[in-house]
Amino acid sequence: MYTRTMDLKKSNNVKVLLAVGGWNFGSGLFSDMVANEDLRKGFVQQATQFIRDHKFDGLDIDWV
């Protein structure tokens, strides 16, 4: 699925975002993360690295 999505991105000028969270995930873990500076920094660093490594165009946080 990932390879096919990235092929579509190249051939159709599509932006592909990494999405995390969602209705079933809940909000507790995000709330805990944003309440703590070290956890926020860690999330930003890891998400940024993952997005760059896998050539995503951005991040979609579904914080319900």
Protein backbone atom coordinates (compact mmCIF):
# COMPACT_ATOMS: atom_id res chain seq x y z
CA MET A 1 0.00 0.00 0.00
CA TYR A 2 2.77 2.44 0.93
CA THR A 3 4.65 1.97 -2.36
CA ARG A 4 1.49 2.38 -4.42
CA THR A 5 0.58 5.55 -2.51
CA MET A 6 4.01 7.07 -3.04
CA ASP A 7 3.85 6.16 -6.76
CA LEU A 8 0.55 8.04 -6.99
CA LYS A 9 2.17 10.96 -5.19
CA LYS A 10 4.90 11.19 -7.82
CA SER A 11 2.70 10.77 -10.88
CA ASN A 12 -0.27 12.93 -9.82
CA ASN A 13 1.24 15.71 -7.70
CA VAL A 14 -0.60 14.43 -4.60
CA LYS A 15 0.35 15.35 -1.03
CA VAL A 16 0.56 12.41 1.39
CA LEU A 17 0.25 13.02 5.13
CA LEU A 18 1.08 10.74 8.02
CA ALA A 19 -2.06 10.51 10.17
CA VAL A 20 -1.95 9.59 13.86
CA GLY A 21 -4.76 9.29 16.37
CA GLY A 22 -8.43 9.15 15.54
CA TRP A 23 -11.73 8.35 17.19
CA ASN A 24 -10.75 4.85 18.37
CA PHE A 25 -7.37 6.07 19.64
CA GLY A 26 -8.90 8.57 22.05
CA SER A 27 -7.38 11.73 23.42
CA GLY A 28 -5.69 10.56 26.64
CA LEU A 29 -2.24 9.88 25.22
CA PHE A 30 -2.18 13.16 23.27
CA SER A 31 -3.31 15.08 26.36
CA ASP A 32 -0.53 13.47 28.41
CA MET A 33 2.03 14.25 25.72
CA VAL A 34 1.20 17.94 25.33
CA ALA A 35 1.19 18.44 29.10
CA ASN A 36 4.86 17.45 29.31
CA GLU A 37 7.57 19.43 27.49
CA ASP A 38 9.95 16.47 27.17
CA LEU A 39 7.22 14.25 25.71
CA ARG A 40 6.23 16.99 23.23
CA LYS A 41 9.84 17.42 22.11
CA GLY A 42 10.25 13.66 21.73
CA PHE A 43 7.08 13.35 19.68
CA VAL A 44 8.07 16.21 17.39
CA GLN A 45 11.58 14.82 16.86
CA GLN A 46 10.39 11.26 16.18
CA ALA A 47 7.48 12.30 13.96
CA THR A 48 9.70 14.67 11.98
CA GLN A 49 12.32 11.98 11.45
CA PHE A 50 9.70 9.41 10.39
CA ILE A 51 8.10 11.88 7.95
CA ARG A 52 11.48 12.69 6.40
CA ASP A 53 12.65 9.07 6.25
CA HIS A 54 9.46 7.94 4.52
CA LYS A 55 8.99 11.06 2.36
CA PHE A 56 5.59 12.12 3.70
CA ASP A 57 4.49 15.70 3.05
CA GLY A 58 3.16 16.47 6.51
CA LEU A 59 1.41 15.30 9.66
CA ASP A 60 -2.29 15.01 10.48
CA ILE A 61 -3.01 14.69 14.21
CA ASP A 62 -6.56 13.48 14.86
CA TRP A 63 -6.91 14.51 18.48
CA VAL A 64 -10.52 13.79 19.43
